[in-house]
PDB file of N, CA and C in Angstrom:
ATOM      1  N   UNK A   1      46.166 125.164  75.226  1.00  0.00           N
ATOM      2  CA  UNK A   1      47.182 124.501  74.443  1.00  0.00           C
ATOM      3  C   UNK A   1      48.192 123.896  75.222  1.00  0.00           C
ATOM      4  N   UNK A   2      48.302 124.209  76.899  1.00  0.00           N
ATOM      5  CA  UNK A   2      49.032 123.354  77.590  1.00  0.00           C
ATOM      6  C   UNK A   2      47.920 122.076  78.276  1.00  0.00           C
ATOM      7  N   UNK A   3      47.009 122.509  78.252  1.00  0.00           N
ATOM      8  CA  UNK A   3      45.913 121.455  78.531  1.00  0.00           C
ATOM      9  C   UNK A   3      45.744 120.369  77.524  1.00  0.00           C
ATOM     10  N   UNK A   4      45.793 120.754  76.240  1.00  0.00           N
ATOM     11  CA  UNK A   4      45.900 119.665  75.264  1.00  0.00           C
ATOM     12  C   UNK A   4      46.846 118.682  74.989  1.00  0.00           C
ATOM     13  N   UNK A   5      48.124 119.433  75.211  1.00  0.00           N
ATOM     14  CA  UNK A   5      49.076 118.450  75.390  1.00  0.00           C
ATOM     15  C   UNK A   5      49.353 117.714  76.770  1.00  0.00           C
ATOM     16  N   UNK A   6      48.569 118.136  77.639  1.00  0.00           N
ATOM     17  CA  UNK A   6      48.484 116.960  78.731  1.00  0.00           C
ATOM     18  C   UNK A   6      47.531 116.171  78.254  1.00  0.00           C
ATOM     19  N   UNK A   7      46.586 116.516  77.888  1.00  0.00           N
ATOM     20  CA  UNK A   7      45.668 115.594  77.623  1.00  0.00           C
ATOM     21  C   UNK A   7      46.333 114.639  76.420  1.00  0.00           C
ATOM     22  N   UNK A   8      46.950 114.568  75.280  1.00  0.00           N
ATOM     23  CA  UNK A   8      47.407 114.106  74.755  1.00  0.00           C
ATOM     24  C   UNK A   8      48.775 112.993  75.041  1.00  0.00           C
ATOM     25  N   UNK A   9      49.279 113.746  76.319  1.00  0.00           N
ATOM     26  CA  UNK A   9      50.722 113.205  76.973  1.00  0.00           C
ATOM     27  C   UNK A   9      49.893 111.913  77.920  1.00  0.00           C
ATOM     28  N   UNK A  10      48.550 112.073  78.017  1.00  0.00           N
ATOM     29  CA  UNK A  10      48.136 111.260  79.056  1.00  0.00           C
ATOM     30  C   UNK A  10      47.317 110.161  78.483  1.00  0.00           C
ATOM     31  N   UNK A  11      47.000 110.214  77.274  1.00  0.00           N
ATOM     32  CA  UNK A  11      46.414 109.240  76.326  1.00  0.00           C
ATOM     33  C   UNK A  11      47.719 108.503  75.877  1.00  0.00           C
ATOM     34  N   UNK A  12      48.878 108.967  75.461  1.00  0.00           N
ATOM     35  CA  UNK A  12      49.688 108.207  75.362  1.00  0.00           C
ATOM     36  C   UNK A  12      50.413 107.523  76.186  1.00  0.00           C
ATOM     37  N   UNK A  13      50.446 108.007  77.641  1.00  0.00           N
ATOM     38  CA  UNK A  13      50.863 106.843  78.365  1.00  0.00           C
ATOM     39  C   UNK A  13      49.849 105.980  78.713  1.00  0.00           C
ATOM     40  N   UNK A  14      48.745 106.167  78.884  1.00  0.00           N
ATOM     41  CA  UNK A  14      47.450 105.183  78.835  1.00  0.00           C
ATOM     42  C   UNK A  14      48.003 104.173  78.032  1.00  0.00           C
ATOM     43  N   UNK A  15      47.802 104.537  76.636  1.00  0.00           N
ATOM     44  CA  UNK A  15      48.193 103.481  75.727  1.00  0.00           C
ATOM     45  C   UNK A  15      49.518 102.811  75.567  1.00  0.00           C
ATOM     46  N   UNK A  16      50.325 103.345  76.344  1.00  0.00           N
ATOM     47  CA  UNK A  16      51.675 102.550  76.433  1.00  0.00           C
ATOM     48  C   UNK A  16      51.604 101.622  77.470  1.00  0.00           C
ATOM     49  N   UNK A  17      50.607 101.823  78.508  1.00  0.00           N
ATOM     50  CA  UNK A  17      50.348 100.803  79.565  1.00  0.00           C
ATOM     51  C   UNK A  17      49.790  99.985  79.083  1.00  0.00           C
ATOM     52  N   UNK A  18      48.579 100.360  78.256  1.00  0.00           N
ATOM     53  CA  UNK A  18      47.856  99.150  78.099  1.00  0.00           C
ATOM     54  C   UNK A  18      48.613  97.964  77.032  1.00  0.00           C
ATOM     55  N   UNK A  19      49.817  98.506  76.001  1.00  0.00           N
ATOM     56  CA  UNK A  19      50.481  97.837  74.964  1.00  0.00           C
ATOM     57  C   UNK A  19      51.274  96.789  75.871  1.00  0.00           C
ATOM     58  N   UNK A  20      51.897  97.219  77.148  1.00  0.00           N
ATOM     59  CA  UNK A  20      52.931  96.801  78.495  1.00  0.00           C
ATOM     60  C   UNK A  20      51.898  95.800  78.916  1.00  0.00           C
ATOM     61  N   UNK A  21      50.635  96.178  79.155  1.00  0.00           N
ATOM     62  CA  UNK A  21      50.159  95.153  79.941  1.00  0.00           C
ATOM     63  C   UNK A  21      49.497  93.900  79.257  1.00  0.00           C
ATOM     64  N   UNK A  22      49.103  94.365  77.887  1.00  0.00           N
ATOM     65  CA  UNK A  22      49.000  92.846  76.767  1.00  0.00           C
ATOM     66  C   UNK A  22      50.023  92.270  76.640  1.00  0.00           C
ATOM     67  N   UNK A  23      51.087  92.879  76.498  1.00  0.00           N
ATOM     68  CA  UNK A  23      52.552  92.137  76.097  1.00  0.00           C
ATOM     69  C   UNK A  23      52.946  91.122  77.245  1.00  0.00           C
ATOM     70  N   UNK A  24      52.752  91.672  78.794  1.00  0.00           N
ATOM     71  CA  UNK A  24      53.172  90.835  79.709  1.00  0.00           C
ATOM     72  C   UNK A  24      52.235  89.922  80.499  1.00  0.00           C
ATOM     73  N   UNK A  25      50.757  90.134  79.932  1.00  0.00           N
ATOM     74  CA  UNK A  25      49.410  89.132  80.398  1.00  0.00           C
ATOM     75  C   UNK A  25      49.959  87.547  79.515  1.00  0.00           C
ATOM     76  N   UNK A  26      49.544  86.755  80.607  1.00  0.00           N
ATOM     77  CA  UNK A  26      49.703  85.550  79.937  1.00  0.00           C
ATOM     78  C   UNK A  26      48.136  84.748  79.536  1.00  0.00           C
ATOM     79  N   UNK A  27      48.347  84.090  78.755  1.00  0.00           N
ATOM     80  CA  UNK A  27      46.935  83.463  78.254  1.00  0.00           C
ATOM     81  C   UNK A  27      46.383  82.548  78.909  1.00  0.00           C
ATOM     82  N   UNK A  28      45.138  82.519  78.830  1.00  0.00           N
ATOM     83  CA  UNK A  28      44.275  81.717  79.746  1.00  0.00           C
ATOM     84  C   UNK A  28      44.969  80.044  79.663  1.00  0.00           C
ATOM     85  N   UNK A  29      44.931  79.135  80.501  1.00  0.00           N
ATOM     86  CA  UNK A  29      45.003  78.062  80.113  1.00  0.00           C
ATOM     87  C   UNK A  29      43.973  77.287  79.586  1.00  0.00           C
ATOM     88  N   UNK A  30      44.061  76.631  78.671  1.00  0.00           N
ATOM     89  CA  UNK A  30      43.001  75.946  77.559  1.00  0.00           C
ATOM     90  C   UNK A  30      42.843  74.648  78.165  1.00  0.00           C
ATOM     91  N   UNK A  31      41.920  73.905  78.288  1.00  0.00           N
ATOM     92  CA  UNK A  31      42.354  72.504  78.414  1.00  0.00           C
ATOM     93  C   UNK A  31      42.371  71.860  77.151  1.00  0.00           C
ATOM     94  N   UNK A  32      43.386  70.495  77.246  1.00  0.00           N
ATOM     95  CA  UNK A  32      43.384  70.014  75.979  1.00  0.00           C
ATOM     96  C   UNK A  32      42.369  69.180  75.322  1.00  0.00           C
ATOM     97  N   UNK A  33      41.293  68.660  76.080  1.00  0.00           N
ATOM     98  CA  UNK A  33      40.278  67.972  75.757  1.00  0.00           C
ATOM     99  C   UNK A  33      39.287  68.821  75.062  1.00  0.00           C
ATOM    100  N   UNK A  34      39.506  70.482  75.136  1.00  0.00           N
ATOM    101  CA  UNK A  34      38.641  71.094  74.671  1.00  0.00           C
ATOM    102  C   UNK A  34      39.127  71.436  72.958  1.00  0.00           C
ATOM    103  N   UNK A  35      40.264  71.502  72.874  1.00  0.00           N
ATOM    104  CA  UNK A  35      41.101  71.638  71.679  1.00  0.00           C
ATOM    105  C   UNK A  35      40.691  70.730  70.626  1.00  0.00           C
ATOM    106  N   UNK A  36      41.109  69.248  71.222  1.00  0.00           N
ATOM    107  CA  UNK A  36      41.388  67.919  70.373  1.00  0.00           C
ATOM    108  C   UNK A  36      39.361  67.615  69.854  1.00  0.00           C
ATOM    109  N   UNK A  37      38.652  68.184  70.624  1.00  0.00           N
ATOM    110  CA  UNK A  37      36.937  67.600  70.692  1.00  0.00           C
ATOM    111  C   UNK A  37      36.443  68.737  69.758  1.00  0.00           C
ATOM    112  N   UNK A  38      37.288  69.604  68.887  1.00  0.00           N
ATOM    113  CA  UNK A  38      36.246  70.847  68.158  1.00  0.00           C
ATOM    114  C   UNK A  38      35.943  69.965  66.989  1.00  0.00           C
ATOM    115  N   UNK A  39      34.318  69.686  66.615  1.00  0.00           N
ATOM    116  CA  UNK A  39      33.809  69.054  65.546  1.00  0.00           C
ATOM    117  C   UNK A  39      33.141  70.007  64.669  1.00  0.00           C
ATOM    118  N   UNK A  40      33.136  71.263  65.550  1.00  0.00           N
ATOM    119  CA  UNK A  40      32.558  72.392  64.092  1.00  0.00           C
ATOM    120  C   UNK A  40      33.439  72.555  63.098  1.00  0.00           C
ATOM    121  N   UNK A  41      32.794  73.134  61.881  1.00  0.00           N
ATOM    122  CA  UNK A  41      33.451  73.369  60.807  1.00  0.00           C
ATOM    123  C   UNK A  41      33.713  74.525  61.019  1.00  0.00           C
ATOM    124  N   UNK A  42      35.137  75.072  60.167  1.00  0.00           N
ATOM    125  CA  UNK A  42      35.791  76.376  60.747  1.00  0.00           C
ATOM    126  C   UNK A  42      35.176  77.105  59.503  1.00  0.00           C
ATOM    127  N   UNK A  43      35.036  78.638  59.868  1.00  0.00           N
ATOM    128  CA  UNK A  43      34.330  79.594  58.930  1.00  0.00           C
ATOM    129  C   UNK A  43      35.504  80.786  58.828  1.00  0.00           C
ATOM    130  N   UNK A  44      36.204  80.906  57.234  1.00  0.00           N
ATOM    131  CA  UNK A  44      36.736  81.723  57.404  1.00  0.00           C
ATOM    132  C   UNK A  44      36.217  83.217  56.415  1.00  0.00           C
ATOM    133  N   UNK A  45      36.122  84.224  56.961  1.00  0.00           N
ATOM    134  CA  UNK A  45      35.682  85.549  56.161  1.00  0.00           C
ATOM    135  C   UNK A  45      36.510  86.278  55.176  1.00  0.00           C
ATOM    136  N   UNK A  46      36.053  86.658  54.324  1.00  0.00           N
ATOM    137  CA  UNK A  46      37.126  87.266  53.544  1.00  0.00           C
ATOM    138  C   UNK A  46      36.093  88.880  52.799  1.00  0.00           C
ATOM    139  N   UNK A  47      36.752  89.469  52.665  1.00  0.00           N
ATOM    140  CA  UNK A  47      36.245  90.860  52.379  1.00  0.00           C
ATOM    141  C   UNK A  47      37.239  91.366  50.728  1.00  0.00           C
ATOM    142  N   UNK A  48      36.734  91.137  49.713  1.00  0.00           N
ATOM    143  CA  UNK A  48      37.407  91.555  48.980  1.00  0.00           C
ATOM    144  C   UNK A  48      36.311  92.155  47.208  1.00  0.00           C
ATOM    145  N   UNK A  49      37.082  93.150  46.784  1.00  0.00           N
ATOM    146  CA  UNK A  49      36.016  93.617  45.556  1.00  0.00           C
ATOM    147  C   UNK A  49      36.216  92.536  44.703  1.00  0.00           C
ATOM    148  N   UNK A  50      35.243  91.713  44.521  1.00  0.00           N
ATOM    149  CA  UNK A  50      34.707  91.039  43.452  1.00  0.00           C
ATOM    150  C   UNK A  50      34.223  91.268  42.083  1.00  0.00           C
ATOM    151  N   UNK A  51      33.239  92.359  42.189  1.00  0.00           N
ATOM    152  CA  UNK A  51      33.007  93.025  40.663  1.00  0.00           C
ATOM    153  C   UNK A  51      33.060  94.615  40.840  1.00  0.00           C
ATOM    154  N   UNK A  52      32.614  95.162  39.932  1.00  0.00           N
ATOM    155  CA  UNK A  52      33.248  96.689  39.375  1.00  0.00           C
ATOM    156  C   UNK A  52      34.737  96.508  38.750  1.00  0.00           C
ATOM    157  N   UNK A  53      35.614  97.990  38.720  1.00  0.00           N
ATOM    158  CA  UNK A  53      36.709  98.239  38.450  1.00  0.00           C
ATOM    159  C   UNK A  53      37.887  96.969  38.918  1.00  0.00           C
ATOM    160  N   UNK A  54      37.556  96.972  40.361  1.00  0.00           N
ATOM    161  CA  UNK A  54      38.747  96.104  41.152  1.00  0.00           C
ATOM    162  C   UNK A  54      38.187  95.071  40.931  1.00  0.00           C
ATOM    163  N   UNK A  55      37.517  94.130  40.082  1.00  0.00           N
ATOM    164  CA  UNK A  55      37.398  92.932  40.310  1.00  0.00           C
ATOM    165  C   UNK A  55      37.884  92.026  39.900  1.00  0.00           C
ATOM    166  N   UNK A  56      39.232  92.294  39.185  1.00  0.00           N
ATOM    167  CA  UNK A  56      40.377  91.401  38.880  1.00  0.00           C
ATOM    168  C   UNK A  56      41.235  91.267  39.730  1.00  0.00           C
ATOM    169  N   UNK A  57      41.331  92.328  40.739  1.00  0.00           N
ATOM    170  CA  UNK A  57      42.080  92.112  41.908  1.00  0.00           C
ATOM    171  C   UNK A  57      41.222  91.088  42.959  1.00  0.00           C
ATOM    172  N   UNK A  58      40.191  91.503  43.053  1.00  0.00           N
ATOM    173  CA  UNK A  58      39.190  90.419  44.276  1.00  0.00           C
ATOM    174  C   UNK A  58      38.977  89.241  43.760  1.00  0.00           C
ATOM    175  N   UNK A  59      39.054  89.035  42.115  1.00  0.00           N
ATOM    176  CA  UNK A  59      39.009  86.873  41.908  1.00  0.00           C
ATOM    177  C   UNK A  59      40.637  86.752  42.235  1.00  0.00           C
ATOM    178  N   UNK A  60      41.542  87.541  41.985  1.00  0.00           N
ATOM    179  CA  UNK A  60      42.709  86.500  42.505  1.00  0.00           C
ATOM    180  C   UNK A  60      42.970  86.724  43.787  1.00  0.00           C
ATOM    181  N   UNK A  61      42.262  87.508  44.803  1.00  0.00           N
ATOM    182  CA  UNK A  61      42.450  87.200  45.902  1.00  0.00           C
ATOM    183  C   UNK A  61      41.473  86.071  47.008  1.00  0.00           C
ATOM    184  N   UNK A  62      40.404  86.279  45.694  1.00  0.00           N
ATOM    185  CA  UNK A  62      39.568  84.688  46.187  1.00  0.00           C
ATOM    186  C   UNK A  62      40.349  83.708  45.974  1.00  0.00           C
ATOM    187  N   UNK A  63      40.944  83.559  44.535  1.00  0.00           N
ATOM    188  CA  UNK A  63      41.788  82.224  44.162  1.00  0.00           C
ATOM    189  C   UNK A  63      42.911  82.052  45.169  1.00  0.00           C
ATOM    190  N   UNK A  64      43.564  83.198  46.026  1.00  0.00           N
ATOM    191  CA  UNK A  64      44.287  82.779  47.077  1.00  0.00           C
ATOM    192  C   UNK A  64      43.795  82.390  48.102  1.00  0.00           C
ATOM    193  N   UNK A  65      42.807  82.647  48.443  1.00  0.00           N
ATOM    194  CA  UNK A  65      42.014  82.343  49.746  1.00  0.00           C
ATOM    195  C   UNK A  65      41.637  80.861  49.662  1.00  0.00           C
ATOM    196  N   UNK A  66      40.851  80.473  48.416  1.00  0.00           N
ATOM    197  CA  UNK A  66      40.484  79.480  48.072  1.00  0.00           C
ATOM    198  C   UNK A  66      41.753  78.131  47.991  1.00  0.00           C
ATOM    199  N   UNK A  67      43.025  78.531  47.503  1.00  0.00           N
ATOM    200  CA  UNK A  67      44.091  77.661  47.912  1.00  0.00           C
ATOM    201  C   UNK A  67      44.650  77.981  49.392  1.00  0.00           C
ATOM    202  N   UNK A  68      44.429  78.560  49.928  1.00  0.00           N
ATOM    203  CA  UNK A  68      44.912  78.758  51.536  1.00  0.00           C
ATOM    204  C   UNK A  68      43.682  77.707  51.980  1.00  0.00           C
ATOM    205  N   UNK A  69      42.984  77.930  51.931  1.00  0.00           N
ATOM    206  CA  UNK A  69      42.017  76.770  52.511  1.00  0.00           C
ATOM    207  C   UNK A  69      42.185  75.001  51.997  1.00  0.00           C
ATOM    208  N   UNK A  70      42.785  75.290  50.654  1.00  0.00           N
ATOM    209  CA  UNK A  70      42.846  73.685  50.174  1.00  0.00           C
ATOM    210  C   UNK A  70      44.379  73.433  51.397  1.00  0.00           C
ATOM    211  N   UNK A  71      45.327  74.291  51.361  1.00  0.00           N
ATOM    212  CA  UNK A  71      46.581  73.826  52.194  1.00  0.00           C
ATOM    213  C   UNK A  71      45.915  73.408  53.639  1.00  0.00           C
TER     214      UNK A  71
END
């Protein structure tokens, strides 16, 4: 029991350190030319229930995704 609690505490400490490290880390510097010269089409993936019982929900989600793309 004590060993399990110790393992859980260690895992929680490692997770907390990872969160702090990712929050403190600075993003890599990106050259402005590489951002401005992007000529490839952008693809957006979507996962929705298009058929079966939840098809009506999926069609609504698809329409909102298409609306987002047009904006």
